[in-house]
Amino acid sequence: LEESATGPGRHVATEIPIETGMETDFYVEALSDKLDEGMVIVNDPYNIVNGQEVLVNDSMFEAEASTSAEGAATPTGGATE
């Protein structure tokens, strides 16, 4: 996700092709020369399409920030499960 200019916590979904590296029971290494340190990665983009604005749940992201770059993302303007 790339930060959006429309407000805090809002990002734009950008599809980035990756290869998987090392895997454990809980983590999978994502490898790509287009990934940067600190990028938010959506690990289950079921309801998100490339270019769509999403709102990141900051409280969930901050809880995981010390161990990973994943956050919970919700598409704006639509319902999720």
PDB file of N, CA and C in Angstrom:
ATOM      1  N   LEU A   1       0.840  -1.180   0.000  1.00  0.00           N
ATOM      2  CA  LEU A   1       0.000   0.000   0.000  1.00  0.00           C
ATOM      3  C   LEU A   1       0.881   1.237   0.000  1.00  0.00           C
ATOM      4  N   GLU A   2       0.510   2.216  -0.788  1.00  0.00           N
ATOM      5  CA  GLU A   2       1.198   3.499  -0.807  1.00  0.00           C
ATOM      6  C   GLU A   2       0.306   4.521  -0.123  1.00  0.00           C
ATOM      7  N   GLU A   3       0.898   5.453   0.636  1.00  0.00           N
ATOM      8  CA  GLU A   3       0.118   6.461   1.340  1.00  0.00           C
ATOM      9  C   GLU A   3      -0.670   7.311   0.352  1.00  0.00           C
ATOM     10  N   SER A   4      -1.898   7.647   0.746  1.00  0.00           N
ATOM     11  CA  SER A   4      -2.782   8.478  -0.065  1.00  0.00           C
ATOM     12  C   SER A   4      -2.761   9.899   0.476  1.00  0.00           C
ATOM     13  N   ALA A   5      -2.976  10.869  -0.387  1.00  0.00           N
ATOM     14  CA  ALA A   5      -3.000  12.273   0.030  1.00  0.00           C
ATOM     15  C   ALA A   5      -4.352  12.676   0.610  1.00  0.00           C
ATOM     16  N   THR A   6      -5.308  11.753   0.669  1.00  0.00           N
ATOM     17  CA  THR A   6      -6.660  12.114   1.107  1.00  0.00           C
ATOM     18  C   THR A   6      -6.841  12.110   2.614  1.00  0.00           C
ATOM     19  N   GLY A   7      -5.861  11.645   3.380  1.00  0.00           N
ATOM     20  CA  GLY A   7      -5.988  11.699   4.835  1.00  0.00           C
ATOM     21  C   GLY A   7      -5.165  10.647   5.529  1.00  0.00           C
ATOM     22  N   PRO A   8      -5.018  10.793   6.852  1.00  0.00           N
ATOM     23  CA  PRO A   8      -4.213   9.848   7.623  1.00  0.00           C
ATOM     24  C   PRO A   8      -4.825   8.446   7.625  1.00  0.00           C
ATOM     25  N   GLY A   9      -3.967   7.465   7.544  1.00  0.00           N
ATOM     26  CA  GLY A   9      -4.415   6.075   7.547  1.00  0.00           C
ATOM     27  C   GLY A   9      -4.926   5.579   6.210  1.00  0.00           C
ATOM     28  N   ARG A  10      -5.031   6.465   5.235  1.00  0.00           N
ATOM     29  CA  ARG A  10      -5.532   6.066   3.921  1.00  0.00           C
ATOM     30  C   ARG A  10      -4.361   5.763   3.000  1.00  0.00           C
ATOM     31  N   HIS A  11      -4.502   4.683   2.259  1.00  0.00           N
ATOM     32  CA  HIS A  11      -3.462   4.230   1.343  1.00  0.00           C
ATOM     33  C   HIS A  11      -4.097   3.824   0.020  1.00  0.00           C
ATOM     34  N   VAL A  12      -3.288   3.678  -1.003  1.00  0.00           N
ATOM     35  CA  VAL A  12      -3.746   3.199  -2.302  1.00  0.00           C
ATOM     36  C   VAL A  12      -3.116   1.835  -2.543  1.00  0.00           C
ATOM     37  N   ALA A  13      -3.953   0.851  -2.853  1.00  0.00           N
ATOM     38  CA  ALA A  13      -3.460  -0.500  -3.124  1.00  0.00           C
ATOM     39  C   ALA A  13      -2.696  -0.501  -4.446  1.00  0.00           C
ATOM     40  N   THR A  14      -1.486  -1.021  -4.400  1.00  0.00           N
ATOM     41  CA  THR A  14      -0.649  -1.131  -5.591  1.00  0.00           C
ATOM     42  C   THR A  14      -0.145  -2.562  -5.674  1.00  0.00           C
ATOM     43  N   GLU A  15      -0.518  -3.267  -6.721  1.00  0.00           N
ATOM     44  CA  GLU A  15      -0.090  -4.654  -6.879  1.00  0.00           C
ATOM     45  C   GLU A  15       1.395  -4.697  -7.218  1.00  0.00           C
ATOM     46  N   ILE A  16       2.140  -5.492  -6.443  1.00  0.00           N
ATOM     47  CA  ILE A  16       3.575  -5.672  -6.669  1.00  0.00           C
ATOM     48  C   ILE A  16       3.840  -7.176  -6.752  1.00  0.00           C
ATOM     49  N   PRO A  17       4.311  -7.658  -7.895  1.00  0.00           N
ATOM     50  CA  PRO A  17       4.647  -9.081  -8.004  1.00  0.00           C
ATOM     51  C   PRO A  17       5.794  -9.419  -7.051  1.00  0.00           C
ATOM     52  N   ILE A  18       5.676 -10.543  -6.355  1.00  0.00           N
ATOM     53  CA  ILE A  18       6.718 -10.978  -5.425  1.00  0.00           C
ATOM     54  C   ILE A  18       7.074 -12.436  -5.664  1.00  0.00           C
ATOM     55  N   GLU A  19       8.182 -12.833  -5.100  1.00  0.00           N
ATOM     56  CA  GLU A  19       8.546 -14.240  -4.983  1.00  0.00           C
ATOM     57  C   GLU A  19       8.589 -14.536  -3.501  1.00  0.00           C
ATOM     58  N   THR A  20       8.308 -15.775  -3.142  1.00  0.00           N
ATOM     59  CA  THR A  20       8.383 -16.132  -1.731  1.00  0.00           C
ATOM     60  C   THR A  20       9.748 -16.695  -1.412  1.00  0.00           C
ATOM     61  N   GLY A  21      10.224 -16.341  -0.225  1.00  0.00           N
ATOM     62  CA  GLY A  21      11.521 -16.824   0.242  1.00  0.00           C
ATOM     63  C   GLY A  21      11.313 -17.830   1.353  1.00  0.00           C
ATOM     64  N   MET A  22      11.979 -17.607   2.472  1.00  0.00           N
ATOM     65  CA  MET A  22      11.872 -18.520   3.611  1.00  0.00           C
ATOM     66  C   MET A  22      10.449 -18.513   4.169  1.00  0.00           C
ATOM     67  N   GLU A  23       9.993 -19.670   4.645  1.00  0.00           N
ATOM     68  CA  GLU A  23       8.662 -19.793   5.219  1.00  0.00           C
ATOM     69  C   GLU A  23       8.756 -20.493   6.565  1.00  0.00           C
ATOM     70  N   THR A  24       7.913 -20.051   7.513  1.00  0.00           N
ATOM     71  CA  THR A  24       7.751 -20.741   8.787  1.00  0.00           C
ATOM     72  C   THR A  24       6.262 -21.037   8.934  1.00  0.00           C
ATOM     73  N   ASP A  25       5.855 -21.524  10.098  1.00  0.00           N
ATOM     74  CA  ASP A  25       4.439 -21.777  10.339  1.00  0.00           C
ATOM     75  C   ASP A  25       3.631 -20.486  10.374  1.00  0.00           C
ATOM     76  N   PHE A  26       4.287 -19.338  10.647  1.00  0.00           N
ATOM     77  CA  PHE A  26       3.575 -18.076  10.821  1.00  0.00           C
ATOM     78  C   PHE A  26       3.944 -16.992   9.812  1.00  0.00           C
ATOM     79  N   TYR A  27       5.098 -17.093   9.160  1.00  0.00           N
ATOM     80  CA  TYR A  27       5.576 -16.027   8.301  1.00  0.00           C
ATOM     81  C   TYR A  27       6.044 -16.552   6.958  1.00  0.00           C
ATOM     82  N   VAL A  28       5.925 -15.698   5.936  1.00  0.00           N
ATOM     83  CA  VAL A  28       6.462 -15.994   4.612  1.00  0.00           C
ATOM     84  C   VAL A  28       7.253 -14.768   4.172  1.00  0.00           C
ATOM     85  N   GLU A  29       8.483 -14.978   3.751  1.00  0.00           N
ATOM     86  CA  GLU A  29       9.313 -13.880   3.282  1.00  0.00           C
ATOM     87  C   GLU A  29       8.854 -13.479   1.883  1.00  0.00           C
ATOM     88  N   ALA A  30       8.576 -12.178   1.700  1.00  0.00           N
ATOM     89  CA  ALA A  30       8.170 -11.635   0.402  1.00  0.00           C
ATOM     90  C   ALA A  30       9.378 -10.937  -0.215  1.00  0.00           C
ATOM     91  N   LEU A  31       9.754 -11.360  -1.423  1.00  0.00           N
ATOM     92  CA  LEU A  31      10.940 -10.814  -2.076  1.00  0.00           C
ATOM     93  C   LEU A  31      10.564 -10.088  -3.365  1.00  0.00           C
ATOM     94  N   SER A  32      11.017  -8.848  -3.490  1.00  0.00           N
ATOM     95  CA  SER A  32      10.813  -8.065  -4.711  1.00  0.00           C
ATOM     96  C   SER A  32      11.699  -6.831  -4.637  1.00  0.00           C
ATOM     97  N   ASP A  33      12.262  -6.440  -5.757  1.00  0.00           N
ATOM     98  CA  ASP A  33      13.069  -5.223  -5.766  1.00  0.00           C
ATOM     99  C   ASP A  33      12.189  -3.976  -5.680  1.00  0.00           C
ATOM    100  N   LYS A  34      10.868  -4.146  -5.754  1.00  0.00           N
ATOM    101  CA  LYS A  34       9.951  -3.015  -5.654  1.00  0.00           C
ATOM    102  C   LYS A  34       9.399  -2.822  -4.249  1.00  0.00           C
ATOM    103  N   LEU A  35       9.749  -3.705  -3.315  1.00  0.00           N
ATOM    104  CA  LEU A  35       9.334  -3.549  -1.922  1.00  0.00           C
ATOM    105  C   LEU A  35      10.347  -2.677  -1.195  1.00  0.00           C
ATOM    106  N   ASP A  36       9.835  -1.781  -0.353  1.00  0.00           N
ATOM    107  CA  ASP A  36      10.687  -0.917   0.446  1.00  0.00           C
ATOM    108  C   ASP A  36      10.438  -1.171   1.928  1.00  0.00           C
ATOM    109  N   GLU A  37      11.442  -0.917   2.749  1.00  0.00           N
ATOM    110  CA  GLU A  37      11.327  -1.038   4.201  1.00  0.00           C
ATOM    111  C   GLU A  37      10.154  -0.211   4.696  1.00  0.00           C
ATOM    112  N   GLY A  38       9.299  -0.801   5.533  1.00  0.00           N
ATOM    113  CA  GLY A  38       8.183  -0.082   6.128  1.00  0.00           C
ATOM    114  C   GLY A  38       6.905  -0.077   5.310  1.00  0.00           C
ATOM    115  N   MET A  39       6.910  -0.678   4.111  1.00  0.00           N
ATOM    116  CA  MET A  39       5.680  -0.732   3.313  1.00  0.00           C
ATOM    117  C   MET A  39       4.643  -1.590   4.023  1.00  0.00           C
ATOM    118  N   VAL A  40       3.390  -1.204   3.909  1.00  0.00           N
ATOM    119  CA  VAL A  40       2.287  -1.997   4.443  1.00  0.00           C
ATOM    120  C   VAL A  40       1.936  -3.039   3.396  1.00  0.00           C
ATOM    121  N   ILE A  41       1.878  -4.306   3.824  1.00  0.00           N
ATOM    122  CA  ILE A  41       1.565  -5.404   2.913  1.00  0.00           C
ATOM    123  C   ILE A  41       0.217  -6.002   3.291  1.00  0.00           C
ATOM    124  N   VAL A  42      -0.650  -6.150   2.315  1.00  0.00           N
ATOM    125  CA  VAL A  42      -1.950  -6.785   2.533  1.00  0.00           C
ATOM    126  C   VAL A  42      -1.774  -8.263   2.242  1.00  0.00           C
ATOM    127  N   ASN A  43      -1.952  -9.093   3.261  1.00  0.00           N
ATOM    128  CA  ASN A  43      -1.707 -10.516   3.069  1.00  0.00           C
ATOM    129  C   ASN A  43      -2.939 -11.292   2.621  1.00  0.00           C
ATOM    130  N   ASP A  44      -4.110 -10.652   2.567  1.00  0.00           N
ATOM    131  CA  ASP A  44      -5.327 -11.296   2.076  1.00  0.00           C
ATOM    132  C   ASP A  44      -6.168 -10.245   1.342  1.00  0.00           C
ATOM    133  N   PRO A  45      -5.790  -9.923   0.099  1.00  0.00           N
ATOM    134  CA  PRO A  45      -6.439  -8.828  -0.623  1.00  0.00           C
ATOM    135  C   PRO A  45      -7.752  -9.216  -1.299  1.00  0.00           C
ATOM    136  N   TYR A  46      -8.552 -10.072  -0.668  1.00  0.00           N
ATOM    137  CA  TYR A  46      -9.773 -10.613  -1.259  1.00  0.00           C
ATOM    138  C   TYR A  46     -10.694  -9.529  -1.837  1.00  0.00           C
ATOM    139  N   ASN A  47     -10.971  -8.461  -1.077  1.00  0.00           N
ATOM    140  CA  ASN A  47     -11.908  -7.424  -1.517  1.00  0.00           C
ATOM    141  C   ASN A  47     -11.214  -6.167  -2.029  1.00  0.00           C
ATOM    142  N   ILE A  48      -9.924  -6.235  -2.316  1.00  0.00           N
ATOM    143  CA  ILE A  48      -9.164  -5.053  -2.715  1.00  0.00           C
ATOM    144  C   ILE A  48      -8.651  -5.228  -4.138  1.00  0.00           C
ATOM    145  N   VAL A  49      -8.797  -4.170  -4.945  1.00  0.00           N
ATOM    146  CA  VAL A  49      -8.296  -4.202  -6.317  1.00  0.00           C
ATOM    147  C   VAL A  49      -7.189  -3.171  -6.481  1.00  0.00           C
ATOM    148  N   ASN A  50      -6.328  -3.378  -7.457  1.00  0.00           N
ATOM    149  CA  ASN A  50      -5.211  -2.488  -7.727  1.00  0.00           C
ATOM    150  C   ASN A  50      -5.725  -1.066  -7.969  1.00  0.00           C
ATOM    151  N   GLY A  51      -5.140  -0.079  -7.281  1.00  0.00           N
ATOM    152  CA  GLY A  51      -5.520   1.314  -7.432  1.00  0.00           C
ATOM    153  C   GLY A  51      -6.611   1.779  -6.490  1.00  0.00           C
ATOM    154  N   GLN A  52      -7.198   0.867  -5.729  1.00  0.00           N
ATOM    155  CA  GLN A  52      -8.283   1.206  -4.812  1.00  0.00           C
ATOM    156  C   GLN A  52      -7.730   1.861  -3.549  1.00  0.00           C
ATOM    157  N   GLU A  53      -8.430   2.871  -3.035  1.00  0.00           N
ATOM    158  CA  GLU A  53      -8.042   3.480  -1.772  1.00  0.00           C
ATOM    159  C   GLU A  53      -8.533   2.593  -0.628  1.00  0.00           C
ATOM    160  N   VAL A  54      -7.672   2.385   0.367  1.00  0.00           N
ATOM    161  CA  VAL A  54      -8.023   1.575   1.532  1.00  0.00           C
ATOM    162  C   VAL A  54      -7.675   2.341   2.788  1.00  0.00           C
ATOM    163  N   LEU A  55      -8.357   2.030   3.876  1.00  0.00           N
ATOM    164  CA  LEU A  55      -8.113   2.640   5.172  1.00  0.00           C
ATOM    165  C   LEU A  55      -7.436   1.604   6.049  1.00  0.00           C
ATOM    166  N   VAL A  56      -6.258   1.930   6.579  1.00  0.00           N
ATOM    167  CA  VAL A  56      -5.508   1.003   7.432  1.00  0.00           C
ATOM    168  C   VAL A  56      -5.956   1.193   8.866  1.00  0.00           C
ATOM    169  N   ASN A  57      -6.280   0.098   9.536  1.00  0.00           N
ATOM    170  CA  ASN A  57      -6.651   0.104  10.946  1.00  0.00           C
ATOM    171  C   ASN A  57      -5.371   0.317  11.745  1.00  0.00           C
ATOM    172  N   ASP A  58      -5.083   1.565  12.126  1.00  0.00           N
ATOM    173  CA  ASP A  58      -3.826   1.908  12.782  1.00  0.00           C
ATOM    174  C   ASP A  58      -3.581   1.144  14.066  1.00  0.00           C
ATOM    175  N   SER A  59      -4.609   0.886  14.873  1.00  0.00           N
ATOM    176  CA  SER A  59      -4.392   0.194  16.139  1.00  0.00           C
ATOM    177  C   SER A  59      -3.876  -1.217  15.899  1.00  0.00           C
ATOM    178  N   MET A  60      -4.382  -1.896  14.884  1.00  0.00           N
ATOM    179  CA  MET A  60      -3.910  -3.232  14.581  1.00  0.00           C
ATOM    180  C   MET A  60      -2.507  -3.174  13.969  1.00  0.00           C
ATOM    181  N   PHE A  61      -2.260  -2.178  13.111  1.00  0.00           N
ATOM    182  CA  PHE A  61      -0.953  -2.030  12.479  1.00  0.00           C
ATOM    183  C   PHE A  61       0.118  -1.747  13.517  1.00  0.00           C
ATOM    184  N   GLU A  62      -0.144  -0.847  14.476  1.00  0.00           N
ATOM    185  CA  GLU A  62       0.832  -0.511  15.501  1.00  0.00           C
ATOM    186  C   GLU A  62       1.160  -1.717  16.367  1.00  0.00           C
ATOM    187  N   ALA A  63       0.170  -2.577  16.640  1.00  0.00           N
ATOM    188  CA  ALA A  63       0.408  -3.756  17.464  1.00  0.00           C
ATOM    189  C   ALA A  63       1.363  -4.725  16.785  1.00  0.00           C
ATOM    190  N   GLU A  64       1.329  -4.780  15.445  1.00  0.00           N
ATOM    191  CA  GLU A  64       2.179  -5.704  14.712  1.00  0.00           C
ATOM    192  C   GLU A  64       3.440  -5.057  14.171  1.00  0.00           C
ATOM    193  N   ALA A  65       3.550  -3.744  14.268  1.00  0.00           N
ATOM    194  CA  ALA A  65       4.657  -3.028  13.645  1.00  0.00           C
ATOM    195  C   ALA A  65       6.022  -3.480  14.158  1.00  0.00           C
ATOM    196  N   SER A  66       6.091  -3.917  15.386  1.00  0.00           N
ATOM    197  CA  SER A  66       7.384  -4.312  15.925  1.00  0.00           C
ATOM    198  C   SER A  66       7.848  -5.663  15.383  1.00  0.00           C
ATOM    199  N   THR A  67       6.939  -6.468  14.825  1.00  0.00           N
ATOM    200  CA  THR A  67       7.325  -7.779  14.332  1.00  0.00           C
ATOM    201  C   THR A  67       7.138  -7.967  12.839  1.00  0.00           C
ATOM    202  N   SER A  68       6.324  -7.122  12.187  1.00  0.00           N
ATOM    203  CA  SER A  68       6.105  -7.283  10.755  1.00  0.00           C
ATOM    204  C   SER A  68       5.585  -5.994  10.157  1.00  0.00           C
ATOM    205  N   ALA A  69       5.482  -5.970   8.840  1.00  0.00           N
ATOM    206  CA  ALA A  69       4.972  -4.787   8.148  1.00  0.00           C
ATOM    207  C   ALA A  69       3.533  -4.983   7.714  1.00  0.00           C
ATOM    208  N   GLU A  70       2.832  -5.953   8.283  1.00  0.00           N
ATOM    209  CA  GLU A  70       1.460  -6.205   7.881  1.00  0.00           C
ATOM    210  C   GLU A  70       0.501  -5.374   8.705  1.00  0.00           C
ATOM    211  N   GLY A  71      -0.583  -4.959   8.106  1.00  0.00           N
ATOM    212  CA  GLY A  71      -1.632  -4.243   8.809  1.00  0.00           C
ATOM    213  C   GLY A  71      -2.972  -4.697   8.292  1.00  0.00           C
ATOM    214  N   ALA A  72      -4.011  -4.343   9.000  1.00  0.00           N
ATOM    215  CA  ALA A  72      -5.340  -4.675   8.531  1.00  0.00           C
ATOM    216  C   ALA A  72      -5.803  -3.567   7.604  1.00  0.00           C
ATOM    217  N   ALA A  73      -6.264  -3.920   6.446  1.00  0.00           N
ATOM    218  CA  ALA A  73      -6.701  -2.920   5.481  1.00  0.00           C
ATOM    219  C   ALA A  73      -8.158  -3.155   5.141  1.00  0.00           C
ATOM    220  N   THR A  74      -8.915  -2.064   5.066  1.00  0.00           N
ATOM    221  CA  THR A  74     -10.324  -2.128   4.719  1.00  0.00           C
ATOM    222  C   THR A  74     -10.546  -1.244   3.509  1.00  0.00           C
ATOM    223  N   PRO A  75     -11.175  -1.767   2.455  1.00  0.00           N
ATOM    224  CA  PRO A  75     -11.469  -0.926   1.300  1.00  0.00           C
ATOM    225  C   PRO A  75     -12.389   0.211   1.715  1.00  0.00           C
ATOM    226  N   THR A  76     -12.180   1.406   1.198  1.00  0.00           N
ATOM    227  CA  THR A  76     -13.083   2.503   1.496  1.00  0.00           C
ATOM    228  C   THR A  76     -14.268   2.422   0.564  1.00  0.00           C
ATOM    229  N   GLY A  77     -15.429   2.786   1.101  1.00  0.00           N
ATOM    230  CA  GLY A  77     -16.640   2.811   0.287  1.00  0.00           C
ATOM    231  C   GLY A  77     -17.263   1.452   0.062  1.00  0.00           C
ATOM    232  N   GLY A  78     -16.872   0.438   0.827  1.00  0.00           N
ATOM    233  CA  GLY A  78     -17.459  -0.885   0.643  1.00  0.00           C
ATOM    234  C   GLY A  78     -17.434  -1.680   1.926  1.00  0.00           C
ATOM    235  N   ALA A  79     -18.293  -2.645   2.011  1.00  0.00           N
ATOM    236  CA  ALA A  79     -18.373  -3.501   3.200  1.00  0.00           C
ATOM    237  C   ALA A  79     -17.419  -4.667   3.062  1.00  0.00           C
ATOM    238  N   THR A  80     -16.923  -5.137   4.178  1.00  0.00           N
ATOM    239  CA  THR A  80     -16.083  -6.320   4.215  1.00  0.00           C
ATOM    240  C   THR A  80     -16.666  -7.329   5.171  1.00  0.00           C
ATOM    241  N   GLU A  81     -16.167  -8.532   5.118  1.00  0.00           N
ATOM    242  CA  GLU A  81     -16.665  -9.576   6.006  1.00  0.00           C
ATOM    243  C   GLU A  81     -16.250  -9.313   7.436  1.00  0.00           C
TER     244      GLU A  81
END
